């Protein structure tokens, strides 16, 4: 099993480098304002108790 800390040594990427990039992009995604809601879905399973 390959060492997860050596993510893509052939590309010169280490695990810390990849995680730093992931965190940066992730932070941009979660801080961006959400778009308008056009469709509201409802869970397919029934909620509450059966009558």
PDB file of N, CA and C in Angstrom:
ATOM      1  N   UNK A   1       0.850  -1.175   0.000  1.00  0.00           N
ATOM      2  CA  UNK A   1       0.000   0.000   0.000  1.00  0.00           C
ATOM      3  C   UNK A   1       0.899   1.243   0.000  1.00  0.00           C
ATOM      4  N   UNK A   2       0.620   2.199  -0.887  1.00  0.00           N
ATOM      5  CA  UNK A   2       1.458   3.398  -0.920  1.00  0.00           C
ATOM      6  C   UNK A   2       1.239   4.277   0.303  1.00  0.00           C
ATOM      7  N   UNK A   3       2.263   5.001   0.637  1.00  0.00           N
ATOM      8  CA  UNK A   3       2.208   5.922   1.768  1.00  0.00           C
ATOM      9  C   UNK A   3       1.323   7.108   1.396  1.00  0.00           C
ATOM     10  N   UNK A   4       0.225   7.392   2.131  1.00  0.00           N
ATOM     11  CA  UNK A   4      -0.670   8.496   1.769  1.00  0.00           C
ATOM     12  C   UNK A   4      -0.004   9.866   1.859  1.00  0.00           C
ATOM     13  N   UNK A   5       1.099   9.957   2.606  1.00  0.00           N
ATOM     14  CA  UNK A   5       1.788  11.243   2.708  1.00  0.00           C
ATOM     15  C   UNK A   5       2.558  11.583   1.434  1.00  0.00           C
ATOM     16  N   UNK A   6       2.823  10.581   0.596  1.00  0.00           N
ATOM     17  CA  UNK A   6       3.482  10.853  -0.685  1.00  0.00           C
ATOM     18  C   UNK A   6       2.425  10.753  -1.770  1.00  0.00           C
ATOM     19  N   UNK A   7       1.588  11.730  -1.847  1.00  0.00           N
ATOM     20  CA  UNK A   7       0.396  11.732  -2.683  1.00  0.00           C
ATOM     21  C   UNK A   7       0.715  11.482  -4.154  1.00  0.00           C
ATOM     22  N   UNK A   8       1.465  12.336  -4.780  1.00  0.00           N
ATOM     23  CA  UNK A   8       1.873  12.155  -6.174  1.00  0.00           C
ATOM     24  C   UNK A   8       3.334  12.549  -6.316  1.00  0.00           C
ATOM     25  N   UNK A   9       4.237  11.689  -5.862  1.00  0.00           N
ATOM     26  CA  UNK A   9       5.654  12.055  -5.935  1.00  0.00           C
ATOM     27  C   UNK A   9       6.131  12.261  -7.370  1.00  0.00           C
ATOM     28  N   UNK A  10       5.475  11.598  -8.341  1.00  0.00           N
ATOM     29  CA  UNK A  10       5.879  11.779  -9.735  1.00  0.00           C
ATOM     30  C   UNK A  10       5.571  13.187 -10.236  1.00  0.00           C
ATOM     31  N   UNK A  11       4.621  13.880  -9.597  1.00  0.00           N
ATOM     32  CA  UNK A  11       4.297  15.254  -9.957  1.00  0.00           C
ATOM     33  C   UNK A  11       4.938  16.263  -9.008  1.00  0.00           C
ATOM     34  N   UNK A  12       5.659  15.750  -8.021  1.00  0.00           N
ATOM     35  CA  UNK A  12       6.286  16.644  -7.053  1.00  0.00           C
ATOM     36  C   UNK A  12       5.321  17.174  -6.013  1.00  0.00           C
ATOM     37  N   UNK A  13       4.221  16.444  -5.789  1.00  0.00           N
ATOM     38  CA  UNK A  13       3.220  16.871  -4.810  1.00  0.00           C
ATOM     39  C   UNK A  13       3.295  15.994  -3.576  1.00  0.00           C
ATOM     40  N   UNK A  14       3.393  16.615  -2.435  1.00  0.00           N
ATOM     41  CA  UNK A  14       3.370  15.876  -1.184  1.00  0.00           C
ATOM     42  C   UNK A  14       1.985  16.020  -0.558  1.00  0.00           C
ATOM     43  N   UNK A  15       1.720  15.212   0.459  1.00  0.00           N
ATOM     44  CA  UNK A  15       0.427  15.256   1.132  1.00  0.00           C
ATOM     45  C   UNK A  15       0.142  16.649   1.704  1.00  0.00           C
ATOM     46  N   UNK A  16       1.085  17.303   2.394  1.00  0.00           N
ATOM     47  CA  UNK A  16       0.794  18.640   2.913  1.00  0.00           C
ATOM     48  C   UNK A  16       0.470  19.648   1.811  1.00  0.00           C
ATOM     49  N   UNK A  17       1.123  19.541   0.665  1.00  0.00           N
ATOM     50  CA  UNK A  17       0.852  20.455  -0.445  1.00  0.00           C
ATOM     51  C   UNK A  17      -0.561  20.267  -0.964  1.00  0.00           C
ATOM     52  N   UNK A  18      -0.973  19.035  -1.129  1.00  0.00           N
ATOM     53  CA  UNK A  18      -2.318  18.743  -1.627  1.00  0.00           C
ATOM     54  C   UNK A  18      -3.368  19.190  -0.612  1.00  0.00           C
ATOM     55  N   UNK A  19      -3.136  18.938   0.669  1.00  0.00           N
ATOM     56  CA  UNK A  19      -4.105  19.337   1.694  1.00  0.00           C
ATOM     57  C   UNK A  19      -4.212  20.851   1.796  1.00  0.00           C
ATOM     58  N   UNK A  20      -3.107  21.561   1.651  1.00  0.00           N
ATOM     59  CA  UNK A  20      -3.168  23.027   1.678  1.00  0.00           C
ATOM     60  C   UNK A  20      -4.025  23.548   0.529  1.00  0.00           C
ATOM     61  N   UNK A  21      -3.842  22.969  -0.657  1.00  0.00           N
ATOM     62  CA  UNK A  21      -4.640  23.395  -1.812  1.00  0.00           C
ATOM     63  C   UNK A  21      -6.110  23.052  -1.607  1.00  0.00           C
ATOM     64  N   UNK A  22      -6.382  21.871  -1.073  1.00  0.00           N
ATOM     65  CA  UNK A  22      -7.759  21.448  -0.824  1.00  0.00           C
ATOM     66  C   UNK A  22      -8.439  22.373   0.179  1.00  0.00           C
ATOM     67  N   UNK A  23      -7.730  22.713   1.240  1.00  0.00           N
ATOM     68  CA  UNK A  23      -8.308  23.610   2.249  1.00  0.00           C
ATOM     69  C   UNK A  23      -8.597  24.990   1.672  1.00  0.00           C
ATOM     70  N   UNK A  24      -7.695  25.481   0.836  1.00  0.00           N
ATOM     71  CA  UNK A  24      -7.894  26.807   0.247  1.00  0.00           C
ATOM     72  C   UNK A  24      -9.126  26.830  -0.654  1.00  0.00           C
ATOM     73  N   UNK A  25      -9.259  25.849  -1.522  1.00  0.00           N
ATOM     74  CA  UNK A  25     -10.417  25.789  -2.415  1.00  0.00           C
ATOM     75  C   UNK A  25     -11.688  25.533  -1.607  1.00  0.00           C
ATOM     76  N   UNK A  26     -11.606  24.649  -0.622  1.00  0.00           N
ATOM     77  CA  UNK A  26     -12.764  24.360   0.215  1.00  0.00           C
ATOM     78  C   UNK A  26     -13.251  25.587   0.960  1.00  0.00           C
ATOM     79  N   UNK A  27     -12.338  26.395   1.459  1.00  0.00           N
ATOM     80  CA  UNK A  27     -12.709  27.614   2.169  1.00  0.00           C
ATOM     81  C   UNK A  27     -13.425  28.584   1.238  1.00  0.00           C
ATOM     82  N   UNK A  28     -12.953  28.679  -0.008  1.00  0.00           N
ATOM     83  CA  UNK A  28     -13.609  29.550  -0.979  1.00  0.00           C
ATOM     84  C   UNK A  28     -15.031  29.072  -1.279  1.00  0.00           C
ATOM     85  N   UNK A  29     -15.213  27.755  -1.330  1.00  0.00           N
ATOM     86  CA  UNK A  29     -16.530  27.202  -1.647  1.00  0.00           C
ATOM     87  C   UNK A  29     -17.508  27.435  -0.491  1.00  0.00           C
ATOM     88  N   UNK A  30     -17.062  27.190   0.735  1.00  0.00           N
ATOM     89  CA  UNK A  30     -18.014  27.296   1.849  1.00  0.00           C
ATOM     90  C   UNK A  30     -18.289  28.743   2.247  1.00  0.00           C
ATOM     91  N   UNK A  31     -17.433  29.688   1.857  1.00  0.00           N
ATOM     92  CA  UNK A  31     -17.702  31.085   2.190  1.00  0.00           C
ATOM     93  C   UNK A  31     -18.429  31.824   1.076  1.00  0.00           C
ATOM     94  N   UNK A  32     -18.556  31.208  -0.093  1.00  0.00           N
ATOM     95  CA  UNK A  32     -19.276  31.844  -1.201  1.00  0.00           C
ATOM     96  C   UNK A  32     -20.771  31.849  -0.884  1.00  0.00           C
ATOM     97  N   UNK A  33     -21.474  32.912  -1.230  1.00  0.00           N
ATOM     98  CA  UNK A  33     -22.916  32.938  -0.969  1.00  0.00           C
ATOM     99  C   UNK A  33     -23.634  31.901  -1.836  1.00  0.00           C
ATOM    100  N   UNK A  34     -24.605  31.212  -1.275  1.00  0.00           N
ATOM    101  CA  UNK A  34     -25.326  30.198  -2.054  1.00  0.00           C
ATOM    102  C   UNK A  34     -26.222  30.858  -3.104  1.00  0.00           C
ATOM    103  N   UNK A  35     -26.471  30.123  -4.152  1.00  0.00           N
ATOM    104  CA  UNK A  35     -27.369  30.615  -5.194  1.00  0.00           C
ATOM    105  C   UNK A  35     -28.816  30.536  -4.748  1.00  0.00           C
ATOM    106  N   UNK A  36     -29.723  31.102  -5.533  1.00  0.00           N
ATOM    107  CA  UNK A  36     -31.136  31.059  -5.160  1.00  0.00           C
ATOM    108  C   UNK A  36     -31.680  29.630  -5.232  1.00  0.00           C
ATOM    109  N   UNK A  37     -32.620  29.340  -4.363  1.00  0.00           N
ATOM    110  CA  UNK A  37     -33.259  28.015  -4.344  1.00  0.00           C
ATOM    111  C   UNK A  37     -34.363  28.014  -5.386  1.00  0.00           C
ATOM    112  N   UNK A  38     -34.285  27.081  -6.342  1.00  0.00           N
ATOM    113  CA  UNK A  38     -35.317  26.992  -7.371  1.00  0.00           C
ATOM    114  C   UNK A  38     -36.256  25.809  -7.135  1.00  0.00           C
ATOM    115  N   UNK A  39     -35.735  24.761  -6.494  1.00  0.00           N
ATOM    116  CA  UNK A  39     -36.550  23.575  -6.222  1.00  0.00           C
ATOM    117  C   UNK A  39     -36.243  23.127  -4.807  1.00  0.00           C
ATOM    118  N   UNK A  40     -37.267  22.833  -4.041  1.00  0.00           N
ATOM    119  CA  UNK A  40     -37.090  22.335  -2.691  1.00  0.00           C
ATOM    120  C   UNK A  40     -37.499  20.872  -2.672  1.00  0.00           C
ATOM    121  N   UNK A  41     -36.541  19.996  -2.409  1.00  0.00           N
ATOM    122  CA  UNK A  41     -36.828  18.560  -2.379  1.00  0.00           C
ATOM    123  C   UNK A  41     -37.299  18.117  -1.010  1.00  0.00           C
ATOM    124  N   UNK A  42     -38.068  17.061  -0.982  1.00  0.00           N
ATOM    125  CA  UNK A  42     -38.562  16.499   0.274  1.00  0.00           C
ATOM    126  C   UNK A  42     -38.062  15.068   0.362  1.00  0.00           C
ATOM    127  N   UNK A  43     -37.644  14.688   1.535  1.00  0.00           N
ATOM    128  CA  UNK A  43     -37.142  13.337   1.766  1.00  0.00           C
ATOM    129  C   UNK A  43     -38.175  12.314   1.309  1.00  0.00           C
ATOM    130  N   UNK A  44     -37.704  11.263   0.668  1.00  0.00           N
ATOM    131  CA  UNK A  44     -38.620  10.256   0.144  1.00  0.00           C
ATOM    132  C   UNK A  44     -39.223   9.381   1.230  1.00  0.00           C
ATOM    133  N   UNK A  45     -38.531   9.255   2.348  1.00  0.00           N
ATOM    134  CA  UNK A  45     -39.066   8.419   3.422  1.00  0.00           C
ATOM    135  C   UNK A  45     -40.068   9.228   4.223  1.00  0.00           C
ATOM    136  N   UNK A  46     -41.030   8.543   4.776  1.00  0.00           N
ATOM    137  CA  UNK A  46     -42.072   9.215   5.542  1.00  0.00           C
ATOM    138  C   UNK A  46     -41.548   9.596   6.912  1.00  0.00           C
ATOM    139  N   UNK A  47     -41.849  10.806   7.341  1.00  0.00           N
ATOM    140  CA  UNK A  47     -41.411  11.266   8.656  1.00  0.00           C
ATOM    141  C   UNK A  47     -42.557  11.123   9.650  1.00  0.00           C
ATOM    142  N   UNK A  48     -42.205  10.960  10.892  1.00  0.00           N
ATOM    143  CA  UNK A  48     -43.225  10.833  11.932  1.00  0.00           C
ATOM    144  C   UNK A  48     -43.698   9.387  12.056  1.00  0.00           C
ATOM    145  N   UNK A  49     -44.703   9.191  12.905  1.00  0.00           N
ATOM    146  CA  UNK A  49     -45.173   7.816  13.069  1.00  0.00           C
ATOM    147  C   UNK A  49     -46.319   7.524  12.143  1.00  0.00           C
ATOM    148  N   UNK A  50     -46.474   6.268  11.831  1.00  0.00           N
ATOM    149  CA  UNK A  50     -47.557   5.832  10.946  1.00  0.00           C
ATOM    150  C   UNK A  50     -48.874   5.940  11.687  1.00  0.00           C
ATOM    151  N   UNK A  51     -49.911   6.298  10.979  1.00  0.00           N
ATOM    152  CA  UNK A  51     -51.227   6.396  11.591  1.00  0.00           C
ATOM    153  C   UNK A  51     -52.108   5.279  11.140  1.00  0.00           C
TER     154      UNK A  51
END
